[in-house]
Amino acid sequence: MQHDDWGVRAERWSGTRSETVRVLDTDVHVLRRDAAPSAPAGAPTQLLVHGLGGSSTNWLEVTTALSELGPVVAPDLPGSGRTEPPRPRASRISNNARFLRTFTRTLGLDRLVVHGNSMGGLIGVLFAGLEPDRVERLVLVDPALPAPLRAARAISRQTLTRFAPFVVPPLGRAVLGAAWRRGTGASLWQETVDFVHGDPERIAPEIAALGVENLEWGRGRPWRLDGFTDAAASIVSAVTIGQRRTRAAIDRVAAPTLLLWGDADRLVGRAVIDGLVDRRPDWDLHVFDGVGHVPQLEAPDGYVEVVTRWLRAGDDAAGIDTVAEAADA
């Protein structure tokens, strides 16, 4: 799943390329795309941060359009995709935030708009705290952030079943490892897509094929299992026993922030979004109707339209709170 030009997989991805970047002692797989000719001169880089179990390819459907706003860079985080972690626990959330700091400095990226989906949203919040002078704007997409304590009862049984084992990381690794051994890339993808997406039929067949390949490839590499376990355990910690520190990180975000959420999300519930809006009323909110946990794959046109409008509006974007019909995306 590395191509000099991803147009070999789908014409609409033409111009997006795979690169390997050496960051300290780690070879990092990155999807990159140059700024489109029509992009503003000196535009900031759009840094795209994927979610748990995902990879840079989770952003393929929006890289072309986002290049109209500036250069696009999407890394596979350590322990995910094709980036093998250099050491144990490198895949934990706090370590991934520090990784992004080193990664972006290695590439010489001084001006950033950070898009973070799910786990990437949590990492984006921490990264913005580490680099407030370089993160100009932050787009949090169904972010894995804590809900108010009073909302704990609203967590779905499916979500609890999936993530409760990671309270004890060895147990979580054992449960996940057993599922990986029983399944195939195709069966694991189908199980994931049925849970994560509001309407799996909206996922393009090229993306589905990549998802199967990614899972099948990962099943043969123990470091992927370790990376998922470390990341999942640290997310669970960040939204439960460590949520005071996570909320402090949310409070420290200085960059203008757009909060995106699909109202069919089974992982990040409305209570999380309402809690964030109550805590940060200066953040702008956009809700996608009937869309699940990964709007940039289910409703890529709508995603780009909302983000572009918000970025181009600048300080006048306050009050962008709207609902997009999935059919329009």
C-alpha atoms as a PDB file:
ATOM      1  CA  MET A   1       0.000   0.000   0.000  1.00  0.00           C
ATOM      2  CA  GLN A   2       2.712   2.452  -0.997  1.00  0.00           C
ATOM      3  CA  HIS A   3       2.587   4.096  -4.409  1.00  0.00           C
ATOM      4  CA  ASP A   4       4.633   6.795  -6.086  1.00  0.00           C
ATOM      5  CA  ASP A   5       1.287   8.098  -7.303  1.00  0.00           C
ATOM      6  CA  TRP A   6      -1.977   6.835  -5.823  1.00  0.00           C
ATOM      7  CA  GLY A   7      -3.663   7.452  -9.134  1.00  0.00           C
ATOM      8  CA  VAL A   8      -2.827   3.810  -9.890  1.00  0.00           C
ATOM      9  CA  ARG A   9      -5.526   2.860  -7.358  1.00  0.00           C
ATOM     10  CA  ALA A  10      -8.115   5.512  -8.214  1.00  0.00           C
ATOM     11  CA  GLU A  11      -7.923   8.350 -10.707  1.00  0.00           C
ATOM     12  CA  ARG A  12      -9.319  10.831  -8.188  1.00  0.00           C
ATOM     13  CA  TRP A  13      -6.255  10.186  -5.967  1.00  0.00           C
ATOM     14  CA  SER A  14      -3.791  11.050  -8.723  1.00  0.00           C
ATOM     15  CA  GLY A  15      -1.073  13.380  -7.449  1.00  0.00           C
ATOM     16  CA  THR A  16      -1.073  11.980  -3.912  1.00  0.00           C
ATOM     17  CA  ARG A  17       2.115  10.012  -3.298  1.00  0.00           C
ATOM     18  CA  SER A  18       3.697   7.772  -0.690  1.00  0.00           C
ATOM     19  CA  GLU A  19       7.000   8.783   0.836  1.00  0.00           C
ATOM     20  CA  THR A  20       9.179   7.402   3.610  1.00  0.00           C
ATOM     21  CA  VAL A  21      10.531  10.011   6.017  1.00  0.00           C
ATOM     22  CA  ARG A  22      13.262   9.202   8.517  1.00  0.00           C
ATOM     23  CA  VAL A  23      12.319  10.683  11.890  1.00  0.00           C
ATOM     24  CA  LEU A  24      15.072  10.046  14.431  1.00  0.00           C
ATOM     25  CA  ASP A  25      15.247   6.224  14.398  1.00  0.00           C
ATOM     26  CA  THR A  26      11.919   5.574  12.685  1.00  0.00           C
ATOM     27  CA  ASP A  27      10.977   5.165   9.012  1.00  0.00           C
ATOM     28  CA  VAL A  28       7.594   6.857   8.731  1.00  0.00           C
ATOM     29  CA  HIS A  29       5.207   6.200   5.856  1.00  0.00           C
ATOM     30  CA  VAL A  30       3.586   9.440   4.736  1.00  0.00           C
ATOM     31  CA  LEU A  31       1.013  10.445   2.162  1.00  0.00           C
ATOM     32  CA  ARG A  32       1.890  13.827   0.660  1.00  0.00           C
ATOM     33  CA  ARG A  33       0.363  16.139  -1.860  1.00  0.00           C
ATOM     34  CA  ASP A  34       1.685  19.466  -3.092  1.00  0.00           C
ATOM     35  CA  ALA A  35      -0.466  22.544  -2.850  1.00  0.00           C
ATOM     36  CA  ALA A  36      -2.736  22.976  -5.849  1.00  0.00           C
ATOM     37  CA  PRO A  37      -1.788  25.803  -8.242  1.00  0.00           C
ATOM     38  CA  SER A  38      -4.861  27.718  -7.058  1.00  0.00           C
ATOM     39  CA  ALA A  39      -3.901  27.477  -3.353  1.00  0.00           C
ATOM     40  CA  PRO A  40      -2.922  30.756  -1.673  1.00  0.00           C
ATOM     41  CA  ALA A  41       0.800  31.477  -1.760  1.00  0.00           C
ATOM     42  CA  GLY A  42       2.481  30.424   1.471  1.00  0.00           C
ATOM     43  CA  ALA A  43      -0.615  28.593   2.692  1.00  0.00           C
ATOM     44  CA  PRO A  44      -0.227  26.472   5.838  1.00  0.00           C
ATOM     45  CA  THR A  45       0.177  22.713   5.575  1.00  0.00           C
ATOM     46  CA  GLN A  46      -2.905  20.588   6.173  1.00  0.00           C
ATOM     47  CA  LEU A  47      -1.656  17.932   8.646  1.00  0.00           C
ATOM     48  CA  LEU A  48      -4.022  14.947   8.750  1.00  0.00           C
ATOM     49  CA  VAL A  49      -3.935  12.642  11.796  1.00  0.00           C
ATOM     50  CA  HIS A  50      -5.761   9.311  11.578  1.00  0.00           C
ATOM     51  CA  GLY A  51      -7.658   7.388  14.231  1.00  0.00           C
ATOM     52  CA  LEU A  52      -7.135   4.164  16.159  1.00  0.00           C
ATOM     53  CA  GLY A  53      -6.543   1.186  13.878  1.00  0.00           C
ATOM     54  CA  GLY A  54      -6.461   3.445  10.840  1.00  0.00           C
ATOM     55  CA  SER A  55      -3.705   4.894   8.700  1.00  0.00           C
ATOM     56  CA  SER A  56      -2.934   7.810   6.434  1.00  0.00           C
ATOM     57  CA  THR A  57      -5.159   6.211   3.778  1.00  0.00           C
ATOM     58  CA  ASN A  58      -8.184   7.180   5.899  1.00  0.00           C
ATOM     59  CA  TRP A  59      -7.702  10.650   4.384  1.00  0.00           C
ATOM     60  CA  LEU A  60      -7.342   9.695   0.716  1.00  0.00           C
ATOM     61  CA  GLU A  61     -10.831  10.844  -0.235  1.00  0.00           C
ATOM     62  CA  VAL A  62     -10.121  14.453   0.823  1.00  0.00           C
ATOM     63  CA  THR A  63      -6.413  14.984   0.023  1.00  0.00           C
ATOM     64  CA  THR A  64      -7.026  16.276  -3.496  1.00  0.00           C
ATOM     65  CA  ALA A  65      -9.603  18.862  -2.437  1.00  0.00           C
ATOM     66  CA  LEU A  66      -7.666  19.915   0.674  1.00  0.00           C
ATOM     67  CA  SER A  67      -4.634  20.686  -1.508  1.00  0.00           C
ATOM     68  CA  GLU A  68      -6.627  23.721  -2.684  1.00  0.00           C
ATOM     69  CA  LEU A  69      -5.940  25.065   0.816  1.00  0.00           C
ATOM     70  CA  GLY A  70      -2.223  24.242   0.907  1.00  0.00           C
ATOM     71  CA  PRO A  71       0.199  21.299   0.977  1.00  0.00           C
ATOM     72  CA  VAL A  72      -1.181  18.081   2.493  1.00  0.00           C
ATOM     73  CA  VAL A  73       0.736  15.691   4.767  1.00  0.00           C
ATOM     74  CA  ALA A  74      -0.737  12.550   6.379  1.00  0.00           C
ATOM     75  CA  PRO A  75       1.613  10.268   8.354  1.00  0.00           C
ATOM     76  CA  ASP A  76       1.079   6.721   9.548  1.00  0.00           C
ATOM     77  CA  LEU A  77       1.583   7.123  13.294  1.00  0.00           C
ATOM     78  CA  PRO A  78       4.065   4.753  14.988  1.00  0.00           C
ATOM     79  CA  GLY A  79       2.376   1.390  15.483  1.00  0.00           C
ATOM     80  CA  SER A  80      -0.182   2.065  12.721  1.00  0.00           C
ATOM     81  CA  GLY A  81      -0.290   1.627   8.971  1.00  0.00           C
ATOM     82  CA  ARG A  82       3.221   0.970   7.668  1.00  0.00           C
ATOM     83  CA  THR A  83       5.168   2.731  10.442  1.00  0.00           C
ATOM     84  CA  GLU A  84       6.752   0.258  12.826  1.00  0.00           C
ATOM     85  CA  PRO A  85       7.221   1.764  16.306  1.00  0.00           C
ATOM     86  CA  PRO A  86      10.876   2.137  17.324  1.00  0.00           C
ATOM     87  CA  ARG A  87      10.334   1.007  20.913  1.00  0.00           C
ATOM     88  CA  PRO A  88       7.619  -0.261  23.302  1.00  0.00           C
ATOM     89  CA  ARG A  89       4.888   2.237  24.157  1.00  0.00           C
ATOM     90  CA  ALA A  90       5.791   4.535  21.264  1.00  0.00           C
ATOM     91  CA  SER A  91       2.148   4.253  20.179  1.00  0.00           C
ATOM     92  CA  ARG A  92       0.728   5.765  23.345  1.00  0.00           C
ATOM     93  CA  ILE A  93      -1.180   8.991  22.844  1.00  0.00           C
ATOM     94  CA  SER A  94       1.248  11.325  24.606  1.00  0.00           C
ATOM     95  CA  ASN A  95       4.162   9.789  22.721  1.00  0.00           C
ATOM     96  CA  ASN A  96       2.326  10.219  19.427  1.00  0.00           C
ATOM     97  CA  ALA A  97       1.813  13.912  20.181  1.00  0.00           C
ATOM     98  CA  ARG A  98       5.546  14.281  20.788  1.00  0.00           C
ATOM     99  CA  PHE A  99       6.186  12.264  17.627  1.00  0.00           C
ATOM    100  CA  LEU A 100       4.151  14.782  15.608  1.00  0.00           C
ATOM    101  CA  ARG A 101       6.253  17.594  17.041  1.00  0.00           C
ATOM    102  CA  THR A 102       9.468  15.893  15.904  1.00  0.00           C
ATOM    103  CA  PHE A 103       7.938  14.785  12.595  1.00  0.00           C
ATOM    104  CA  THR A 104       6.723  18.256  11.613  1.00  0.00           C
ATOM    105  CA  ARG A 105       9.997  19.862  12.655  1.00  0.00           C
ATOM    106  CA  THR A 106      11.913  17.286  10.610  1.00  0.00           C
ATOM    107  CA  LEU A 107       9.861  18.289   7.565  1.00  0.00           C
ATOM    108  CA  GLY A 108      10.285  21.982   8.355  1.00  0.00           C
ATOM    109  CA  LEU A 109       6.543  22.629   8.678  1.00  0.00           C
ATOM    110  CA  ASP A 110       6.133  25.936  10.498  1.00  0.00           C
ATOM    111  CA  ARG A 111       2.447  26.693   9.812  1.00  0.00           C
ATOM    112  CA  LEU A 112      -0.129  23.967  10.350  1.00  0.00           C
ATOM    113  CA  VAL A 113      -3.834  23.330  10.160  1.00  0.00           C
ATOM    114  CA  VAL A 114      -4.258  20.063  12.066  1.00  0.00           C
ATOM    115  CA  HIS A 115      -7.146  17.715  11.263  1.00  0.00           C
ATOM    116  CA  GLY A 116      -7.523  14.913  13.818  1.00  0.00           C
ATOM    117  CA  ASN A 117     -10.088  12.121  13.533  1.00  0.00           C
ATOM    118  CA  SER A 118     -11.046  10.054  16.602  1.00  0.00           C
ATOM    119  CA  MET A 119      -7.760   9.192  18.362  1.00  0.00           C
ATOM    120  CA  GLY A 120      -6.180  11.760  16.048  1.00  0.00           C
ATOM    121  CA  GLY A 121      -8.424  14.402  17.618  1.00  0.00           C
ATOM    122  CA  LEU A 122      -7.071  13.631  21.075  1.00  0.00           C
ATOM    123  CA  ILE A 123      -3.519  13.665  19.706  1.00  0.00           C
ATOM    124  CA  GLY A 124      -4.272  16.933  17.910  1.00  0.00           C
ATOM    125  CA  VAL A 125      -5.350  18.585  21.166  1.00  0.00           C
ATOM    126  CA  LEU A 126      -2.134  17.479  22.893  1.00  0.00           C
ATOM    127  CA  PHE A 127       0.000  18.490  19.907  1.00  0.00           C
ATOM    128  CA  ALA A 128      -1.604  21.937  19.775  1.00  0.00           C
ATOM    129  CA  GLY A 129      -0.572  22.370  23.397  1.00  0.00           C
ATOM    130  CA  LEU A 130       3.020  21.421  22.561  1.00  0.00           C
ATOM    131  CA  GLU A 131       3.206  23.689  19.502  1.00  0.00           C
ATOM    132  CA  PRO A 132       0.840  26.641  20.009  1.00  0.00           C
ATOM    133  CA  ASP A 133       2.919  28.897  17.765  1.00  0.00           C
ATOM    134  CA  ARG A 134       2.805  26.491  14.795  1.00  0.00           C
ATOM    135  CA  VAL A 135      -0.774  25.172  14.991  1.00  0.00           C
ATOM    136  CA  GLU A 136      -2.829  27.933  13.407  1.00  0.00           C
ATOM    137  CA  ARG A 137      -6.139  26.080  13.344  1.00  0.00           C
ATOM    138  CA  LEU A 138      -7.479  22.782  14.638  1.00  0.00           C
ATOM    139  CA  VAL A 139     -10.172  20.567  13.125  1.00  0.00           C
ATOM    140  CA  LEU A 140     -11.417  17.894  15.540  1.00  0.00           C
ATOM    141  CA  VAL A 141     -13.363  15.156  13.750  1.00  0.00           C
ATOM    142  CA  ASP A 142     -15.456  12.925  16.051  1.00  0.00           C
ATOM    143  CA  PRO A 143     -12.625  13.283  18.585  1.00  0.00           C
ATOM    144  CA  ALA A 144     -11.899  10.683  21.278  1.00  0.00           C
ATOM    145  CA  LEU A 145     -12.309  13.119  24.177  1.00  0.00           C
ATOM    146  CA  PRO A 146     -14.003  12.626  27.555  1.00  0.00           C
ATOM    147  CA  ALA A 147     -17.722  13.058  28.114  1.00  0.00           C
ATOM    148  CA  PRO A 148     -19.086  14.606  31.306  1.00  0.00           C
ATOM    149  CA  LEU A 149     -19.123  12.061  34.134  1.00  0.00           C
ATOM    150  CA  ARG A 150     -22.911  12.252  34.325  1.00  0.00           C
ATOM    151  CA  ALA A 151     -23.078  10.881  30.773  1.00  0.00           C
ATOM    152  CA  ALA A 152     -21.211   7.631  31.487  1.00  0.00           C
ATOM    153  CA  ARG A 153     -24.468   5.656  31.485  1.00  0.00           C
ATOM    154  CA  ALA A 154     -25.102   6.685  27.886  1.00  0.00           C
ATOM    155  CA  ILE A 155     -22.098   4.756  26.555  1.00  0.00           C
ATOM    156  CA  SER A 156     -23.355   1.982  24.322  1.00  0.00           C
ATOM    157  CA  ARG A 157     -22.870  -1.667  25.222  1.00  0.00           C
ATOM    158  CA  GLN A 158     -21.066  -2.218  21.903  1.00  0.00           C
ATOM    159  CA  THR A 159     -18.517   0.458  22.742  1.00  0.00           C
ATOM    160  CA  LEU A 160     -17.978  -0.862  26.248  1.00  0.00           C
ATOM    161  CA  THR A 161     -17.517  -4.393  24.923  1.00  0.00           C
ATOM    162  CA  ARG A 162     -14.855  -3.215  22.488  1.00  0.00           C
ATOM    163  CA  PHE A 163     -12.846  -0.988  24.809  1.00  0.00           C
ATOM    164  CA  ALA A 164     -13.348  -2.238  28.381  1.00  0.00           C
ATOM    165  CA  PRO A 165     -10.670  -4.961  27.994  1.00  0.00           C
ATOM    166  CA  PHE A 166      -8.052  -2.261  27.355  1.00  0.00           C
ATOM    167  CA  VAL A 167      -8.430  -1.046  30.932  1.00  0.00           C
ATOM    168  CA  VAL A 168      -6.027  -3.958  31.524  1.00  0.00           C
ATOM    169  CA  PRO A 169      -3.747  -3.787  28.455  1.00  0.00           C
ATOM    170  CA  PRO A 170      -2.607  -7.458  28.478  1.00  0.00           C
ATOM    171  CA  LEU A 171      -6.259  -8.514  28.515  1.00  0.00           C
ATOM    172  CA  GLY A 172      -7.052  -6.143  25.667  1.00  0.00           C
ATOM    173  CA  ARG A 173      -4.146  -7.495  23.653  1.00  0.00           C
ATOM    174  CA  ALA A 174      -5.281 -11.075  24.261  1.00  0.00           C
ATOM    175  CA  VAL A 175      -8.875 -10.331  23.228  1.00  0.00           C
ATOM    176  CA  LEU A 176      -7.786  -8.459  20.109  1.00  0.00           C
ATOM    177  CA  GLY A 177      -5.197 -11.076  19.220  1.00  0.00           C
ATOM    178  CA  ALA A 178      -7.805 -13.829  19.406  1.00  0.00           C
ATOM    179  CA  ALA A 179     -10.126 -11.858  17.106  1.00  0.00           C
ATOM    180  CA  TRP A 180      -7.291 -11.331  14.626  1.00  0.00           C
ATOM    181  CA  ARG A 181      -6.435 -15.037  14.610  1.00  0.00           C
ATOM    182  CA  ARG A 182     -10.057 -16.077  14.064  1.00  0.00           C
ATOM    183  CA  GLY A 183     -10.806 -13.560  11.360  1.00  0.00           C
ATOM    184  CA  THR A 184      -9.539 -12.619   7.936  1.00  0.00           C
ATOM    185  CA  GLY A 185      -8.815  -9.188   6.557  1.00  0.00           C
ATOM    186  CA  ALA A 186     -12.224  -9.196   4.874  1.00  0.00           C
ATOM    187  CA  SER A 187     -14.185 -10.338   7.932  1.00  0.00           C
ATOM    188  CA  LEU A 188     -12.389  -7.912  10.261  1.00  0.00           C
ATOM    189  CA  TRP A 189     -13.010  -5.052   7.854  1.00  0.00           C
ATOM    190  CA  GLN A 190     -16.716  -5.883   7.584  1.00  0.00           C
ATOM    191  CA  GLU A 191     -17.083  -6.050  11.361  1.00  0.00           C
ATOM    192  CA  THR A 192     -15.293  -2.717  11.728  1.00  0.00           C
ATOM    193  CA  VAL A 193     -17.146  -0.897   8.967  1.00  0.00           C
ATOM    194  CA  ASP A 194     -20.541  -2.057  10.234  1.00  0.00           C
ATOM    195  CA  PHE A 195     -19.776  -0.606  13.664  1.00  0.00           C
ATOM    196  CA  VAL A 196     -17.827   2.524  12.773  1.00  0.00           C
ATOM    197  CA  HIS A 197     -19.756   3.946   9.822  1.00  0.00           C
ATOM    198  CA  GLY A 198     -23.289   5.252   9.828  1.00  0.00           C
ATOM    199  CA  ASP A 199     -23.944   3.783   6.383  1.00  0.00           C
ATOM    200  CA  PRO A 200     -21.271   1.357   5.110  1.00  0.00           C
ATOM    201  CA  GLU A 201     -22.711   1.675   1.612  1.00  0.00           C
ATOM    202  CA  ARG A 202     -21.257   5.189   1.445  1.00  0.00           C
ATOM    203  CA  ILE A 203     -17.708   3.856   1.690  1.00  0.00           C
ATOM    204  CA  ALA A 204     -16.106   3.747  -1.750  1.00  0.00           C
ATOM    205  CA  PRO A 205     -15.054   0.254  -2.936  1.00  0.00           C
ATOM    206  CA  GLU A 206     -11.458   1.450  -3.347  1.00  0.00           C
ATOM    207  CA  ILE A 207     -11.373   2.451   0.330  1.00  0.00           C
ATOM    208  CA  ALA A 208     -12.924  -0.882   1.336  1.00  0.00           C
ATOM    209  CA  ALA A 209     -10.233  -2.749  -0.617  1.00  0.00           C
ATOM    210  CA  LEU A 210      -7.521  -0.755   1.149  1.00  0.00           C
ATOM    211  CA  GLY A 211      -9.115  -1.482   4.521  1.00  0.00           C
ATOM    212  CA  VAL A 212      -9.053  -5.221   3.871  1.00  0.00           C
ATOM    213  CA  GLU A 213      -5.430  -5.049   2.703  1.00  0.00           C
ATOM    214  CA  ASN A 214      -4.398  -3.028   5.731  1.00  0.00           C
ATOM    215  CA  LEU A 215      -5.956  -5.485   8.165  1.00  0.00           C
ATOM    216  CA  GLU A 216      -4.649  -8.554   6.364  1.00  0.00           C
ATOM    217  CA  TRP A 217      -1.134  -7.100   6.237  1.00  0.00           C
ATOM    218  CA  GLY A 218      -1.284  -6.092   9.904  1.00  0.00           C
ATOM    219  CA  ARG A 219      -2.388  -9.538  11.098  1.00  0.00           C
ATOM    220  CA  GLY A 220       1.055 -10.880  10.170  1.00  0.00           C
ATOM    221  CA  ARG A 221       2.965  -8.229  12.118  1.00  0.00           C
ATOM    222  CA  PRO A 222       2.885  -8.437  15.915  1.00  0.00           C
ATOM    223  CA  TRP A 223       3.964  -4.814  16.278  1.00  0.00           C
ATOM    224  CA  ARG A 224       0.632  -3.726  14.818  1.00  0.00           C
ATOM    225  CA  LEU A 225      -1.178  -5.616  17.573  1.00  0.00           C
ATOM    226  CA  ASP A 226       1.096  -4.046  20.182  1.00  0.00           C
ATOM    227  CA  GLY A 227       0.612  -0.598  18.654  1.00  0.00           C
ATOM    228  CA  PHE A 228      -3.172  -0.884  18.709  1.00  0.00           C
ATOM    229  CA  THR A 229      -3.136  -2.157  22.290  1.00  0.00           C
ATOM    230  CA  ASP A 230      -0.884   0.646  23.560  1.00  0.00           C
ATOM    231  CA  ALA A 231      -2.901   3.318  21.765  1.00  0.00           C
ATOM    232  CA  ALA A 232      -6.276   1.922  22.881  1.00  0.00           C
ATOM    233  CA  ALA A 233      -5.161   1.585  26.500  1.00  0.00           C
ATOM    234  CA  SER A 234      -3.906   5.176  26.569  1.00  0.00           C
ATOM    235  CA  ILE A 235      -7.162   6.466  25.043  1.00  0.00           C
ATOM    236  CA  VAL A 236      -9.192   4.649  27.688  1.00  0.00           C
ATOM    237  CA  SER A 237      -6.950   6.159  30.363  1.00  0.00           C
ATOM    238  CA  ALA A 238      -7.201   9.671  28.874  1.00  0.00           C
ATOM    239  CA  VAL A 239     -11.015   9.671  28.930  1.00  0.00           C
ATOM    240  CA  THR A 240     -11.414   7.963  32.333  1.00  0.00           C
ATOM    241  CA  ILE A 241      -8.855   8.168  35.139  1.00  0.00           C
ATOM    242  CA  GLY A 242      -6.757  10.715  33.251  1.00  0.00           C
ATOM    243  CA  GLN A 243      -9.596  12.923  32.103  1.00  0.00           C
ATOM    244  CA  ARG A 244      -8.572  15.793  34.390  1.00  0.00           C
ATOM    245  CA  ARG A 245      -5.327  16.124  32.435  1.00  0.00           C
ATOM    246  CA  THR A 246      -7.197  15.712  29.166  1.00  0.00           C
ATOM    247  CA  ARG A 247      -9.652  18.461  30.078  1.00  0.00           C
ATOM    248  CA  ALA A 248      -6.758  20.720  31.056  1.00  0.00           C
ATOM    249  CA  ALA A 249      -5.265  20.100  27.598  1.00  0.00           C
ATOM    250  CA  ILE A 250      -8.619  21.029  26.013  1.00  0.00           C
ATOM    251  CA  ASP A 251      -8.655  24.253  28.039  1.00  0.00           C
ATOM    252  CA  ARG A 252      -5.143  25.137  26.833  1.00  0.00           C
ATOM    253  CA  VAL A 253      -5.968  24.972  23.117  1.00  0.00           C
ATOM    254  CA  ALA A 254      -5.362  28.461  21.770  1.00  0.00           C
ATOM    255  CA  ALA A 255      -5.953  27.848  18.059  1.00  0.00           C
ATOM    256  CA  PRO A 256      -9.382  28.517  16.544  1.00  0.00           C
ATOM    257  CA  THR A 257     -11.080  25.124  16.487  1.00  0.00           C
ATOM    258  CA  LEU A 258     -13.760  23.496  14.359  1.00  0.00           C
ATOM    259  CA  LEU A 259     -15.571  20.538  15.874  1.00  0.00           C
ATOM    260  CA  LEU A 260     -17.067  18.078  13.371  1.00  0.00           C
ATOM    261  CA  TRP A 261     -19.363  15.231  14.363  1.00  0.00           C
ATOM    262  CA  GLY A 262     -21.495  12.634  12.615  1.00  0.00           C
ATOM    263  CA  ASP A 263     -24.715  12.096  14.547  1.00  0.00           C
ATOM    264  CA  ALA A 264     -24.704   8.361  13.734  1.00  0.00           C
ATOM    265  CA  ASP A 265     -21.387   7.911  15.553  1.00  0.00           C
ATOM    266  CA  ARG A 266     -21.527   4.880  17.898  1.00  0.00           C
ATOM    267  CA  LEU A 267     -18.158   5.644  19.492  1.00  0.00           C
ATOM    268  CA  VAL A 268     -18.318   9.365  20.242  1.00  0.00           C
ATOM    269  CA  GLY A 269     -21.780  10.209  21.519  1.00  0.00           C
ATOM    270  CA  ARG A 270     -23.686  13.474  21.645  1.00  0.00           C
ATOM    271  CA  ALA A 271     -22.728  13.860  25.309  1.00  0.00           C
ATOM    272  CA  VAL A 272     -19.064  14.252  24.317  1.00  0.00           C
ATOM    273  CA  ILE A 273     -19.924  16.954  21.787  1.00  0.00           C
ATOM    274  CA  ASP A 274     -22.279  18.799  24.131  1.00  0.00           C
ATOM    275  CA  GLY A 275     -19.645  18.675  26.859  1.00  0.00           C
ATOM    276  CA  LEU A 276     -17.006  20.123  24.540  1.00  0.00           C
ATOM    277  CA  VAL A 277     -19.284  22.920  23.360  1.00  0.00           C
ATOM    278  CA  ASP A 278     -20.171  23.773  26.966  1.00  0.00           C
ATOM    279  CA  ARG A 279     -16.502  23.790  27.934  1.00  0.00           C
ATOM    280  CA  ARG A 280     -15.285  25.636  24.838  1.00  0.00           C
ATOM    281  CA  PRO A 281     -18.113  27.849  23.566  1.00  0.00           C
ATOM    282  CA  ASP A 282     -15.567  29.593  21.340  1.00  0.00           C
ATOM    283  CA  TRP A 283     -15.221  26.425  19.240  1.00  0.00           C
ATOM    284  CA  ASP A 284     -17.366  26.130  16.128  1.00  0.00           C
ATOM    285  CA  LEU A 285     -19.541  23.056  15.597  1.00  0.00           C
ATOM    286  CA  HIS A 286     -20.824  21.322  12.478  1.00  0.00           C
ATOM    287  CA  VAL A 287     -22.986  18.190  12.613  1.00  0.00           C
ATOM    288  CA  PHE A 288     -23.273  15.726   9.713  1.00  0.00           C
ATOM    289  CA  ASP A 289     -26.705  14.104   9.593  1.00  0.00           C
ATOM    290  CA  GLY A 290     -26.687  10.295   9.342  1.00  0.00           C
ATOM    291  CA  VAL A 291     -22.890  10.046   9.214  1.00  0.00           C
ATOM    292  CA  GLY A 292     -20.756   7.867  11.476  1.00  0.00           C
ATOM    293  CA  HIS A 293     -17.325   8.070  13.054  1.00  0.00           C
ATOM    294  CA  VAL A 294     -15.226   8.919   9.966  1.00  0.00           C
ATOM    295  CA  PRO A 295     -16.960  11.731   8.051  1.00  0.00           C
ATOM    296  CA  GLN A 296     -14.046  12.273   5.663  1.00  0.00           C
ATOM    297  CA  LEU A 297     -14.731   8.802   4.236  1.00  0.00           C
ATOM    298  CA  GLU A 298     -18.527   8.761   4.429  1.00  0.00           C
ATOM    299  CA  ALA A 299     -19.150  12.348   3.348  1.00  0.00           C
ATOM    300  CA  PRO A 300     -15.885  13.607   1.821  1.00  0.00           C
ATOM    301  CA  ASP A 301     -17.470  16.363  -0.279  1.00  0.00           C
ATOM    302  CA  GLY A 302     -19.374  17.683   2.708  1.00  0.00           C
ATOM    303  CA  TYR A 303     -16.261  17.475   4.869  1.00  0.00           C
ATOM    304  CA  VAL A 304     -14.214  19.547   2.433  1.00  0.00           C
ATOM    305  CA  GLU A 305     -17.002  22.071   1.887  1.00  0.00           C
ATOM    306  CA  VAL A 306     -17.423  22.743   5.614  1.00  0.00           C
ATOM    307  CA  VAL A 307     -13.701  22.895   6.378  1.00  0.00           C
ATOM    308  CA  THR A 308     -12.972  25.116   3.383  1.00  0.00           C
ATOM    309  CA  ARG A 309     -15.770  27.520   4.275  1.00  0.00           C
ATOM    310  CA  TRP A 310     -14.580  27.698   7.870  1.00  0.00           C
ATOM    311  CA  LEU A 311     -10.923  28.253   6.992  1.00  0.00           C
ATOM    312  CA  ARG A 312     -11.675  30.882   4.375  1.00  0.00           C
ATOM    313  CA  ALA A 313     -14.083  32.689   6.692  1.00  0.00           C
ATOM    314  CA  GLY A 314     -11.305  33.141   9.252  1.00  0.00           C
ATOM    315  CA  ASP A 315     -12.414  35.013  12.325  1.00  0.00           C
ATOM    316  CA  ASP A 316     -15.866  35.481  10.792  1.00  0.00           C
ATOM    317  CA  ALA A 317     -16.498  31.716  11.062  1.00  0.00           C
ATOM    318  CA  ALA A 318     -18.046  32.002  14.529  1.00  0.00           C
ATOM    319  CA  GLY A 319     -21.523  30.557  14.543  1.00  0.00           C
ATOM    320  CA  ILE A 320     -20.925  28.018  11.782  1.00  0.00           C
ATOM    321  CA  ASP A 321     -23.126  25.586  13.732  1.00  0.00           C
ATOM    322  CA  THR A 322     -25.025  23.776  10.971  1.00  0.00           C
ATOM    323  CA  VAL A 323     -26.226  20.336  10.005  1.00  0.00           C
ATOM    324  CA  ALA A 324     -25.245  18.799   6.665  1.00  0.00           C
ATOM    325  CA  GLU A 325     -27.427  16.197   5.061  1.00  0.00           C
ATOM    326  CA  ALA A 326     -25.356  13.142   4.108  1.00  0.00           C
ATOM    327  CA  ALA A 327     -27.024  13.130   0.711  1.00  0.00           C
ATOM    328  CA  ASP A 328     -25.460  16.522   0.011  1.00  0.00           C
ATOM    329  CA  ALA A 329     -21.952  15.265   0.838  1.00  0.00           C
END
